[in-house]
C-alpha cells in the first residue's frame, strides 16, 4: 500500500484546523476567572444553537417557509421525552424511531 503524502498532509492539516478552534479557547480561558454573568450567558448558547437547528428543520423546505407535517408529528413525542426525562439517548432514540415509523407508514 502506497502512502500518498499529499493526502496525509491534507488530513493532518484538516485535523489541525479542526483542533485549534476547539482547544485554544479552552486553554486560554482556563487561565482566567470569568464573571458569573458571562458564565450564565455562555450556558444559553447550546440551547440557542439547538433551537435554531430544530426550527430550520421543522419550518424550512427548499429555502421557503413550510409546515412539515411528518417532522412535526415526530417532534412532538421527541420533545415530550426530552422535557420529562432529560435523557439525550432516550430523546434521540424516540426521535429516530418516530420519524422512521412515520416515513414507513406515510
PDB file of N, CA and C in Angstrom:
ATOM      1  N   UNK A   1       0.839  -1.169   0.000  1.00  0.00           N
ATOM      2  CA  UNK A   1       0.000   0.000   0.000  1.00  0.00           C
ATOM      3  C   UNK A   1       0.888   1.238   0.000  1.00  0.00           C
ATOM      4  N   UNK A   2       0.668   2.103  -0.945  1.00  0.00           N
ATOM      5  CA  UNK A   2       1.445   3.333  -1.046  1.00  0.00           C
ATOM      6  C   UNK A   2       0.885   4.403  -0.124  1.00  0.00           C
ATOM      7  N   UNK A   3       1.774   5.174   0.422  1.00  0.00           N
ATOM      8  CA  UNK A   3       1.365   6.333   1.205  1.00  0.00           C
ATOM      9  C   UNK A   3       1.396   7.543   0.287  1.00  0.00           C
ATOM     10  N   UNK A   4       0.269   8.158   0.141  1.00  0.00           N
ATOM     11  CA  UNK A   4       0.213   9.388  -0.633  1.00  0.00           C
ATOM     12  C   UNK A   4       0.446  10.538   0.342  1.00  0.00           C
ATOM     13  N   UNK A   5       1.597  11.138   0.250  1.00  0.00           N
ATOM     14  CA  UNK A   5       1.991  12.154   1.205  1.00  0.00           C
ATOM     15  C   UNK A   5       1.088  13.374   1.138  1.00  0.00           C
ATOM     16  N   UNK A   6       0.626  13.711  -0.062  1.00  0.00           N
ATOM     17  CA  UNK A   6      -0.250  14.892  -0.148  1.00  0.00           C
ATOM     18  C   UNK A   6      -1.573  14.644   0.583  1.00  0.00           C
ATOM     19  N   UNK A   7      -2.112  13.437   0.519  1.00  0.00           N
ATOM     20  CA  UNK A   7      -3.349  13.113   1.241  1.00  0.00           C
ATOM     21  C   UNK A   7      -3.096  13.128   2.747  1.00  0.00           C
ATOM     22  N   UNK A   8      -1.962  12.587   3.167  1.00  0.00           N
ATOM     23  CA  UNK A   8      -1.620  12.591   4.587  1.00  0.00           C
ATOM     24  C   UNK A   8      -1.477  14.020   5.109  1.00  0.00           C
ATOM     25  N   UNK A   9      -0.847  14.885   4.328  1.00  0.00           N
ATOM     26  CA  UNK A   9      -0.692  16.288   4.740  1.00  0.00           C
ATOM     27  C   UNK A   9      -2.046  16.979   4.813  1.00  0.00           C
ATOM     28  N   UNK A  10      -2.940  16.684   3.874  1.00  0.00           N
ATOM     29  CA  UNK A  10      -4.286  17.274   3.899  1.00  0.00           C
ATOM     30  C   UNK A  10      -5.046  16.811   5.146  1.00  0.00           C
ATOM     31  N   UNK A  11      -4.946  15.527   5.475  1.00  0.00           N
ATOM     32  CA  UNK A  11      -5.643  15.003   6.665  1.00  0.00           C
ATOM     33  C   UNK A  11      -5.084  15.634   7.929  1.00  0.00           C
ATOM     34  N   UNK A  12      -3.768  15.722   8.025  1.00  0.00           N
ATOM     35  CA  UNK A  12      -3.158  16.326   9.216  1.00  0.00           C
ATOM     36  C   UNK A  12      -3.504  17.816   9.315  1.00  0.00           C
ATOM     37  N   UNK A  13      -3.508  18.517   8.191  1.00  0.00           N
ATOM     38  CA  UNK A  13      -3.886  19.932   8.191  1.00  0.00           C
ATOM     39  C   UNK A  13      -5.341  20.120   8.592  1.00  0.00           C
ATOM     40  N   UNK A  14      -6.216  19.251   8.115  1.00  0.00           N
ATOM     41  CA  UNK A  14      -7.632  19.331   8.491  1.00  0.00           C
ATOM     42  C   UNK A  14      -7.813  19.075   9.981  1.00  0.00           C
ATOM     43  N   UNK A  15      -7.071  18.115  10.505  1.00  0.00           N
ATOM     44  CA  UNK A  15      -7.148  17.838  11.944  1.00  0.00           C
ATOM     45  C   UNK A  15      -6.679  19.040  12.747  1.00  0.00           C
ATOM     46  N   UNK A  16      -5.619  19.674  12.295  1.00  0.00           N
ATOM     47  CA  UNK A  16      -5.098  20.844  12.994  1.00  0.00           C
ATOM     48  C   UNK A  16      -6.080  22.012  12.942  1.00  0.00           C
ATOM     49  N   UNK A  17      -6.668  22.238  11.774  1.00  0.00           N
ATOM     50  CA  UNK A  17      -7.631  23.334  11.626  1.00  0.00           C
ATOM     51  C   UNK A  17      -8.879  23.075  12.470  1.00  0.00           C
ATOM     52  N   UNK A  18      -9.249  21.833  12.642  1.00  0.00           N
ATOM     53  CA  UNK A  18     -10.393  21.493  13.478  1.00  0.00           C
ATOM     54  C   UNK A  18     -10.043  21.581  14.964  1.00  0.00           C
ATOM     55  N   UNK A  19      -8.835  21.198  15.306  1.00  0.00           N
ATOM     56  CA  UNK A  19      -8.423  21.147  16.707  1.00  0.00           C
ATOM     57  C   UNK A  19      -8.186  22.532  17.293  1.00  0.00           C
ATOM     58  N   UNK A  20      -7.574  23.418  16.550  1.00  0.00           N
ATOM     59  CA  UNK A  20      -7.203  24.737  17.086  1.00  0.00           C
ATOM     60  C   UNK A  20      -8.406  25.524  17.611  1.00  0.00           C
ATOM     61  N   UNK A  21      -9.511  25.673  16.854  1.00  0.00           N
ATOM     62  CA  UNK A  21     -10.629  26.451  17.412  1.00  0.00           C
ATOM     63  C   UNK A  21     -11.304  25.799  18.619  1.00  0.00           C
ATOM     64  N   UNK A  22     -11.099  24.524  18.813  1.00  0.00           N
ATOM     65  CA  UNK A  22     -11.709  23.856  19.962  1.00  0.00           C
ATOM     66  C   UNK A  22     -10.818  23.915  21.196  1.00  0.00           C
ATOM     67  N   UNK A  23      -9.531  23.741  21.007  1.00  0.00           N
ATOM     68  CA  UNK A  23      -8.616  23.655  22.135  1.00  0.00           C
ATOM     69  C   UNK A  23      -8.129  25.022  22.582  1.00  0.00           C
ATOM     70  N   UNK A  24      -7.830  25.896  21.660  1.00  0.00           N
ATOM     71  CA  UNK A  24      -7.260  27.193  22.004  1.00  0.00           C
ATOM     72  C   UNK A  24      -8.135  27.999  22.969  1.00  0.00           C
ATOM     73  N   UNK A  25      -9.453  28.122  22.737  1.00  0.00           N
ATOM     74  CA  UNK A  25     -10.259  28.848  23.728  1.00  0.00           C
ATOM     75  C   UNK A  25     -10.262  28.182  25.109  1.00  0.00           C
ATOM     76  N   UNK A  26     -10.258  26.845  25.144  1.00  0.00           N
ATOM     77  CA  UNK A  26     -10.223  26.163  26.440  1.00  0.00           C
ATOM     78  C   UNK A  26      -8.925  26.440  27.182  1.00  0.00           C
ATOM     79  N   UNK A  27      -7.816  26.417  26.459  1.00  0.00           N
ATOM     80  CA  UNK A  27      -6.522  26.662  27.094  1.00  0.00           C
ATOM     81  C   UNK A  27      -6.439  28.100  27.590  1.00  0.00           C
ATOM     82  N   UNK A  28      -6.855  29.048  26.761  1.00  0.00           N
ATOM     83  CA  UNK A  28      -6.762  30.455  27.133  1.00  0.00           C
ATOM     84  C   UNK A  28      -7.729  30.797  28.265  1.00  0.00           C
ATOM     85  N   UNK A  29      -8.987  30.373  28.132  1.00  0.00           N
ATOM     86  CA  UNK A  29      -9.991  30.740  29.134  1.00  0.00           C
ATOM     87  C   UNK A  29      -9.834  29.997  30.451  1.00  0.00           C
ATOM     88  N   UNK A  30      -9.140  28.866  30.452  1.00  0.00           N
ATOM     89  CA  UNK A  30      -8.950  28.140  31.719  1.00  0.00           C
ATOM     90  C   UNK A  30      -8.013  28.882  32.659  1.00  0.00           C
ATOM     91  N   UNK A  31      -7.270  29.842  32.147  1.00  0.00           N
ATOM     92  CA  UNK A  31      -6.335  30.596  32.975  1.00  0.00           C
ATOM     93  C   UNK A  31      -6.979  31.828  33.617  1.00  0.00           C
ATOM     94  N   UNK A  32      -8.222  32.138  33.252  1.00  0.00           N
ATOM     95  CA  UNK A  32      -8.904  33.327  33.755  1.00  0.00           C
ATOM     96  C   UNK A  32     -10.122  32.936  34.571  1.00  0.00           C
ATOM     97  N   UNK A  33     -10.486  33.794  35.495  1.00  0.00           N
ATOM     98  CA  UNK A  33     -11.744  33.639  36.231  1.00  0.00           C
ATOM     99  C   UNK A  33     -12.795  34.471  35.496  1.00  0.00           C
ATOM    100  N   UNK A  34     -13.749  33.806  34.881  1.00  0.00           N
ATOM    101  CA  UNK A  34     -14.779  34.506  34.121  1.00  0.00           C
ATOM    102  C   UNK A  34     -15.860  35.037  35.059  1.00  0.00           C
ATOM    103  N   UNK A  35     -16.435  36.192  34.738  1.00  0.00           N
ATOM    104  CA  UNK A  35     -17.523  36.725  35.567  1.00  0.00           C
ATOM    105  C   UNK A  35     -18.753  35.797  35.519  1.00  0.00           C
ATOM    106  N   UNK A  36     -19.497  35.796  36.608  1.00  0.00           N
ATOM    107  CA  UNK A  36     -20.676  34.931  36.680  1.00  0.00           C
ATOM    108  C   UNK A  36     -21.707  35.257  35.603  1.00  0.00           C
ATOM    109  N   UNK A  37     -21.864  36.525  35.273  1.00  0.00           N
ATOM    110  CA  UNK A  37     -22.805  36.899  34.222  1.00  0.00           C
ATOM    111  C   UNK A  37     -22.420  36.313  32.881  1.00  0.00           C
ATOM    112  N   UNK A  38     -21.146  36.296  32.571  1.00  0.00           N
ATOM    113  CA  UNK A  38     -20.673  35.715  31.309  1.00  0.00           C
ATOM    114  C   UNK A  38     -20.865  34.202  31.298  1.00  0.00           C
ATOM    115  N   UNK A  39     -20.611  33.574  32.415  1.00  0.00           N
ATOM    116  CA  UNK A  39     -20.804  32.124  32.506  1.00  0.00           C
ATOM    117  C   UNK A  39     -22.278  31.771  32.308  1.00  0.00           C
ATOM    118  N   UNK A  40     -23.179  32.517  32.955  1.00  0.00           N
ATOM    119  CA  UNK A  40     -24.618  32.269  32.769  1.00  0.00           C
ATOM    120  C   UNK A  40     -25.021  32.479  31.312  1.00  0.00           C
ATOM    121  N   UNK A  41     -24.471  33.515  30.673  1.00  0.00           N
ATOM    122  CA  UNK A  41     -24.785  33.796  29.276  1.00  0.00           C
ATOM    123  C   UNK A  41     -24.276  32.677  28.368  1.00  0.00           C
ATOM    124  N   UNK A  42     -23.072  32.189  28.628  1.00  0.00           N
ATOM    125  CA  UNK A  42     -22.497  31.112  27.816  1.00  0.00           C
ATOM    126  C   UNK A  42     -23.276  29.807  27.945  1.00  0.00           C
ATOM    127  N   UNK A  43     -23.950  29.605  29.074  1.00  0.00           N
ATOM    128  CA  UNK A  43     -24.731  28.384  29.250  1.00  0.00           C
ATOM    129  C   UNK A  43     -25.938  28.330  28.323  1.00  0.00           C
ATOM    130  N   UNK A  44     -26.372  29.476  27.789  1.00  0.00           N
ATOM    131  CA  UNK A  44     -27.533  29.501  26.905  1.00  0.00           C
ATOM    132  C   UNK A  44     -27.176  29.226  25.444  1.00  0.00           C
ATOM    133  N   UNK A  45     -25.920  29.239  25.102  1.00  0.00           N
ATOM    134  CA  UNK A  45     -25.516  29.070  23.705  1.00  0.00           C
ATOM    135  C   UNK A  45     -25.898  27.696  23.151  1.00  0.00           C
ATOM    136  N   UNK A  46     -25.641  26.572  23.827  1.00  0.00           N
ATOM    137  CA  UNK A  46     -26.040  25.284  23.247  1.00  0.00           C
ATOM    138  C   UNK A  46     -27.550  25.192  22.997  1.00  0.00           C
ATOM    139  N   UNK A  47     -28.354  25.731  23.900  1.00  0.00           N
ATOM    140  CA  UNK A  47     -29.809  25.692  23.723  1.00  0.00           C
ATOM    141  C   UNK A  47     -30.217  26.538  22.521  1.00  0.00           C
ATOM    142  N   UNK A  48     -29.607  27.704  22.352  1.00  0.00           N
ATOM    143  CA  UNK A  48     -29.938  28.579  21.233  1.00  0.00           C
ATOM    144  C   UNK A  48     -29.542  27.945  19.903  1.00  0.00           C
ATOM    145  N   UNK A  49     -28.379  27.322  19.863  1.00  0.00           N
ATOM    146  CA  UNK A  49     -27.939  26.666  18.626  1.00  0.00           C
ATOM    147  C   UNK A  49     -28.868  25.504  18.290  1.00  0.00           C
ATOM    148  N   UNK A  50     -29.220  24.698  19.277  1.00  0.00           N
ATOM    149  CA  UNK A  50     -30.110  23.566  19.036  1.00  0.00           C
ATOM    150  C   UNK A  50     -31.488  24.038  18.588  1.00  0.00           C
ATOM    151  N   UNK A  51     -31.997  25.107  19.184  1.00  0.00           N
ATOM    152  CA  UNK A  51     -33.302  25.641  18.779  1.00  0.00           C
ATOM    153  C   UNK A  51     -33.256  26.128  17.334  1.00  0.00           C
ATOM    154  N   UNK A  52     -32.165  26.762  16.940  1.00  0.00           N
ATOM    155  CA  UNK A  52     -32.047  27.229  15.557  1.00  0.00           C
ATOM    156  C   UNK A  52     -32.004  26.058  14.586  1.00  0.00           C
ATOM    157  N   UNK A  53     -31.292  25.005  14.929  1.00  0.00           N
ATOM    158  CA  UNK A  53     -31.224  23.838  14.050  1.00  0.00           C
ATOM    159  C   UNK A  53     -32.573  23.137  13.942  1.00  0.00           C
ATOM    160  N   UNK A  54     -33.259  23.001  15.059  1.00  0.00           N
ATOM    161  CA  UNK A  54     -34.562  22.333  15.049  1.00  0.00           C
ATOM    162  C   UNK A  54     -35.582  23.178  14.297  1.00  0.00           C
ATOM    163  N   UNK A  55     -35.592  24.472  14.513  1.00  0.00           N
ATOM    164  CA  UNK A  55     -36.540  25.353  13.821  1.00  0.00           C
ATOM    165  C   UNK A  55     -36.322  25.301  12.319  1.00  0.00           C
ATOM    166  N   UNK A  56     -35.084  25.281  11.894  1.00  0.00           N
ATOM    167  CA  UNK A  56     -34.806  25.197  10.462  1.00  0.00           C
ATOM    168  C   UNK A  56     -35.324  23.885   9.892  1.00  0.00           C
ATOM    169  N   UNK A  57     -35.158  22.812  10.627  1.00  0.00           N
ATOM    170  CA  UNK A  57     -35.614  21.509  10.138  1.00  0.00           C
ATOM    171  C   UNK A  57     -37.135  21.401  10.111  1.00  0.00           C
ATOM    172  N   UNK A  58     -37.809  22.066  11.056  1.00  0.00           N
ATOM    173  CA  UNK A  58     -39.264  21.955  11.131  1.00  0.00           C
ATOM    174  C   UNK A  58     -39.998  22.962  10.239  1.00  0.00           C
ATOM    175  N   UNK A  59     -39.396  24.093   9.946  1.00  0.00           N
ATOM    176  CA  UNK A  59     -40.117  25.171   9.270  1.00  0.00           C
ATOM    177  C   UNK A  59     -39.625  25.533   7.876  1.00  0.00           C
ATOM    178  N   UNK A  60     -38.491  25.021   7.424  1.00  0.00           N
ATOM    179  CA  UNK A  60     -37.941  25.455   6.138  1.00  0.00           C
ATOM    180  C   UNK A  60     -37.749  24.258   5.218  1.00  0.00           C
ATOM    181  N   UNK A  61     -38.280  24.389   3.997  1.00  0.00           N
ATOM    182  CA  UNK A  61     -38.094  23.390   2.951  1.00  0.00           C
ATOM    183  C   UNK A  61     -37.771  24.116   1.652  1.00  0.00           C
ATOM    184  N   UNK A  62     -36.676  23.750   1.028  1.00  0.00           N
ATOM    185  CA  UNK A  62     -36.235  24.370  -0.234  1.00  0.00           C
ATOM    186  C   UNK A  62     -36.067  25.874  -0.104  1.00  0.00           C
ATOM    187  N   UNK A  63     -35.637  26.327   1.048  1.00  0.00           N
ATOM    188  CA  UNK A  63     -35.386  27.743   1.257  1.00  0.00           C
ATOM    189  C   UNK A  63     -36.616  28.572   1.539  1.00  0.00           C
ATOM    190  N   UNK A  64     -37.774  27.968   1.630  1.00  0.00           N
ATOM    191  CA  UNK A  64     -39.020  28.688   1.889  1.00  0.00           C
ATOM    192  C   UNK A  64     -39.673  28.166   3.161  1.00  0.00           C
ATOM    193  N   UNK A  65     -40.523  29.008   3.754  1.00  0.00           N
ATOM    194  CA  UNK A  65     -41.276  28.599   4.936  1.00  0.00           C
ATOM    195  C   UNK A  65     -42.243  27.490   4.548  1.00  0.00           C
ATOM    196  N   UNK A  66     -42.243  26.424   5.309  1.00  0.00           N
ATOM    197  CA  UNK A  66     -43.138  25.301   5.044  1.00  0.00           C
ATOM    198  C   UNK A  66     -43.440  24.595   6.360  1.00  0.00           C
ATOM    199  N   UNK A  67     -44.639  24.104   6.473  1.00  0.00           N
ATOM    200  CA  UNK A  67     -45.027  23.317   7.642  1.00  0.00           C
ATOM    201  C   UNK A  67     -44.878  21.850   7.271  1.00  0.00           C
ATOM    202  N   UNK A  68     -43.896  21.193   7.844  1.00  0.00           N
ATOM    203  CA  UNK A  68     -43.626  19.790   7.536  1.00  0.00           C
ATOM    204  C   UNK A  68     -44.375  18.913   8.535  1.00  0.00           C
ATOM    205  N   UNK A  69     -45.436  18.275   8.057  1.00  0.00           N
ATOM    206  CA  UNK A  69     -46.305  17.528   8.959  1.00  0.00           C
ATOM    207  C   UNK A  69     -45.618  16.319   9.584  1.00  0.00           C
ATOM    208  N   UNK A  70     -44.890  15.543   8.788  1.00  0.00           N
ATOM    209  CA  UNK A  70     -44.246  14.357   9.348  1.00  0.00           C
ATOM    210  C   UNK A  70     -43.208  14.730  10.411  1.00  0.00           C
ATOM    211  N   UNK A  71     -42.439  15.767  10.126  1.00  0.00           N
ATOM    212  CA  UNK A  71     -41.432  16.187  11.083  1.00  0.00           C
ATOM    213  C   UNK A  71     -42.070  16.676  12.386  1.00  0.00           C
ATOM    214  N   UNK A  72     -43.185  17.387  12.269  1.00  0.00           N
ATOM    215  CA  UNK A  72     -43.878  17.852  13.471  1.00  0.00           C
ATOM    216  C   UNK A  72     -44.459  16.688  14.261  1.00  0.00           C
ATOM    217  N   UNK A  73     -45.008  15.705  13.558  1.00  0.00           N
ATOM    218  CA  UNK A  73     -45.548  14.536  14.260  1.00  0.00           C
ATOM    219  C   UNK A  73     -44.446  13.765  14.975  1.00  0.00           C
ATOM    220  N   UNK A  74     -43.262  13.723  14.396  1.00  0.00           N
ATOM    221  CA  UNK A  74     -42.138  13.055  15.058  1.00  0.00           C
ATOM    222  C   UNK A  74     -41.570  13.921  16.175  1.00  0.00           C
ATOM    223  N   UNK A  75     -41.654  15.228  16.033  1.00  0.00           N
ATOM    224  CA  UNK A  75     -41.073  16.132  17.023  1.00  0.00           C
ATOM    225  C   UNK A  75     -41.862  16.137  18.328  1.00  0.00           C
ATOM    226  N   UNK A  76     -43.162  15.960  18.268  1.00  0.00           N
ATOM    227  CA  UNK A  76     -43.984  16.038  19.481  1.00  0.00           C
ATOM    228  C   UNK A  76     -43.595  15.001  20.539  1.00  0.00           C
ATOM    229  N   UNK A  77     -43.536  13.699  20.205  1.00  0.00           N
ATOM    230  CA  UNK A  77     -43.101  12.755  21.248  1.00  0.00           C
ATOM    231  C   UNK A  77     -41.632  12.938  21.630  1.00  0.00           C
ATOM    232  N   UNK A  78     -40.833  13.404  20.676  1.00  0.00           N
ATOM    233  CA  UNK A  78     -39.421  13.642  20.975  1.00  0.00           C
ATOM    234  C   UNK A  78     -39.267  14.768  21.985  1.00  0.00           C
ATOM    235  N   UNK A  79     -40.014  15.854  21.784  1.00  0.00           N
ATOM    236  CA  UNK A  79     -39.990  16.960  22.748  1.00  0.00           C
ATOM    237  C   UNK A  79     -40.469  16.497  24.115  1.00  0.00           C
ATOM    238  N   UNK A  80     -41.518  15.680  24.137  1.00  0.00           N
ATOM    239  CA  UNK A  80     -42.057  15.199  25.406  1.00  0.00           C
ATOM    240  C   UNK A  80     -41.018  14.375  26.170  1.00  0.00           C
ATOM    241  N   UNK A  81     -40.337  13.492  25.467  1.00  0.00           N
ATOM    242  CA  UNK A  81     -39.303  12.679  26.119  1.00  0.00           C
ATOM    243  C   UNK A  81     -38.165  13.570  26.615  1.00  0.00           C
ATOM    244  N   UNK A  82     -37.781  14.554  25.809  1.00  0.00           N
ATOM    245  CA  UNK A  82     -36.692  15.456  26.201  1.00  0.00           C
ATOM    246  C   UNK A  82     -37.062  16.248  27.450  1.00  0.00           C
ATOM    247  N   UNK A  83     -38.287  16.735  27.511  1.00  0.00           N
ATOM    248  CA  UNK A  83     -38.702  17.557  28.641  1.00  0.00           C
ATOM    249  C   UNK A  83     -38.854  16.732  29.919  1.00  0.00           C
ATOM    250  N   UNK A  84     -39.490  15.572  29.804  1.00  0.00           N
ATOM    251  CA  UNK A  84     -39.803  14.805  31.005  1.00  0.00           C
ATOM    252  C   UNK A  84     -38.650  13.944  31.508  1.00  0.00           C
ATOM    253  N   UNK A  85     -37.808  13.429  30.608  1.00  0.00           N
ATOM    254  CA  UNK A  85     -36.734  12.543  31.063  1.00  0.00           C
ATOM    255  C   UNK A  85     -35.372  13.223  31.106  1.00  0.00           C
ATOM    256  N   UNK A  86     -35.189  14.257  30.294  1.00  0.00           N
ATOM    257  CA  UNK A  86     -33.883  14.936  30.165  1.00  0.00           C
ATOM    258  C   UNK A  86     -32.785  13.959  29.805  1.00  0.00           C
ATOM    259  N   UNK A  87     -33.157  12.929  29.064  1.00  0.00           N
ATOM    260  CA  UNK A  87     -32.206  11.909  28.633  1.00  0.00           C
ATOM    261  C   UNK A  87     -31.887  12.131  27.161  1.00  0.00           C
ATOM    262  N   UNK A  88     -30.627  12.408  26.863  1.00  0.00           N
ATOM    263  CA  UNK A  88     -30.234  12.624  25.481  1.00  0.00           C
ATOM    264  C   UNK A  88     -30.412  11.354  24.659  1.00  0.00           C
ATOM    265  N   UNK A  89     -29.987  10.221  25.195  1.00  0.00           N
ATOM    266  CA  UNK A  89     -30.117   8.960  24.473  1.00  0.00           C
ATOM    267  C   UNK A  89     -31.580   8.617  24.225  1.00  0.00           C
ATOM    268  N   UNK A  90     -32.415   8.764  25.231  1.00  0.00           N
ATOM    269  CA  UNK A  90     -33.838   8.484  25.057  1.00  0.00           C
ATOM    270  C   UNK A  90     -34.483   9.408  24.042  1.00  0.00           C
ATOM    271  N   UNK A  91     -34.103  10.678  24.053  1.00  0.00           N
ATOM    272  CA  UNK A  91     -34.648  11.643  23.112  1.00  0.00           C
ATOM    273  C   UNK A  91     -34.257  11.293  21.690  1.00  0.00           C
ATOM    274  N   UNK A  92     -32.995  10.945  21.484  1.00  0.00           N
ATOM    275  CA  UNK A  92     -32.529  10.590  20.143  1.00  0.00           C
ATOM    276  C   UNK A  92     -33.219   9.331  19.651  1.00  0.00           C
ATOM    277  N   UNK A  93     -33.350   8.342  20.516  1.00  0.00           N
ATOM    278  CA  UNK A  93     -33.991   7.088  20.109  1.00  0.00           C
ATOM    279  C   UNK A  93     -35.456   7.314  19.760  1.00  0.00           C
ATOM    280  N   UNK A  94     -36.174   8.064  20.579  1.00  0.00           N
ATOM    281  CA  UNK A  94     -37.587   8.337  20.303  1.00  0.00           C
ATOM    282  C   UNK A  94     -37.731   9.123  18.997  1.00  0.00           C
ATOM    283  N   UNK A  95     -36.863  10.107  18.775  1.00  0.00           N
ATOM    284  CA  UNK A  95     -36.915  10.879  17.544  1.00  0.00           C
ATOM    285  C   UNK A  95     -36.658  10.027  16.313  1.00  0.00           C
ATOM    286  N   UNK A  96     -35.635   9.188  16.384  1.00  0.00           N
ATOM    287  CA  UNK A  96     -35.321   8.327  15.244  1.00  0.00           C
ATOM    288  C   UNK A  96     -36.424   7.316  14.964  1.00  0.00           C
ATOM    289  N   UNK A  97     -36.902   6.666  16.012  1.00  0.00           N
ATOM    290  CA  UNK A  97     -37.933   5.648  15.831  1.00  0.00           C
ATOM    291  C   UNK A  97     -39.239   6.270  15.337  1.00  0.00           C
ATOM    292  N   UNK A  98     -39.624   7.411  15.899  1.00  0.00           N
ATOM    293  CA  UNK A  98     -40.880   8.026  15.462  1.00  0.00           C
ATOM    294  C   UNK A  98     -40.780   8.509  14.011  1.00  0.00           C
ATOM    295  N   UNK A  99     -39.651   9.081  13.612  1.00  0.00           N
ATOM    296  CA  UNK A  99     -39.501   9.516  12.224  1.00  0.00           C
ATOM    297  C   UNK A  99     -39.456   8.317  11.289  1.00  0.00           C
ATOM    298  N   UNK A 100     -38.799   7.259  11.714  1.00  0.00           N
ATOM    299  CA  UNK A 100     -38.723   6.043  10.891  1.00  0.00           C
ATOM    300  C   UNK A 100     -40.125   5.441  10.693  1.00  0.00           C
ATOM    301  N   UNK A 101     -40.881   5.352  11.762  1.00  0.00           N
ATOM    302  CA  UNK A 101     -42.234   4.809  11.650  1.00  0.00           C
ATOM    303  C   UNK A 101     -43.143   5.677  10.797  1.00  0.00           C
ATOM    304  N   UNK A 102     -43.052   6.981  10.961  1.00  0.00           N
ATOM    305  CA  UNK A 102     -43.896   7.877  10.168  1.00  0.00           C
ATOM    306  C   UNK A 102     -43.545   7.812   8.684  1.00  0.00           C
ATOM    307  N   UNK A 103     -42.276   7.729   8.354  1.00  0.00           N
ATOM    308  CA  UNK A 103     -41.891   7.611   6.942  1.00  0.00           C
ATOM    309  C   UNK A 103     -42.297   6.262   6.388  1.00  0.00           C
ATOM    310  N   UNK A 104     -42.266   5.234   7.213  1.00  0.00           N
ATOM    311  CA  UNK A 104     -42.667   3.915   6.753  1.00  0.00           C
ATOM    312  C   UNK A 104     -44.188   3.865   6.519  1.00  0.00           C
ATOM    313  N   UNK A 105     -44.952   4.503   7.416  1.00  0.00           N
ATOM    314  CA  UNK A 105     -46.408   4.486   7.291  1.00  0.00           C
ATOM    315  C   UNK A 105     -46.917   5.416   6.191  1.00  0.00           C
ATOM    316  N   UNK A 106     -46.267   6.553   6.012  1.00  0.00           N
ATOM    317  CA  UNK A 106     -46.753   7.533   5.036  1.00  0.00           C
ATOM    318  C   UNK A 106     -45.768   7.638   3.911  1.00  0.00           C
TER     319      UNK A 106
END
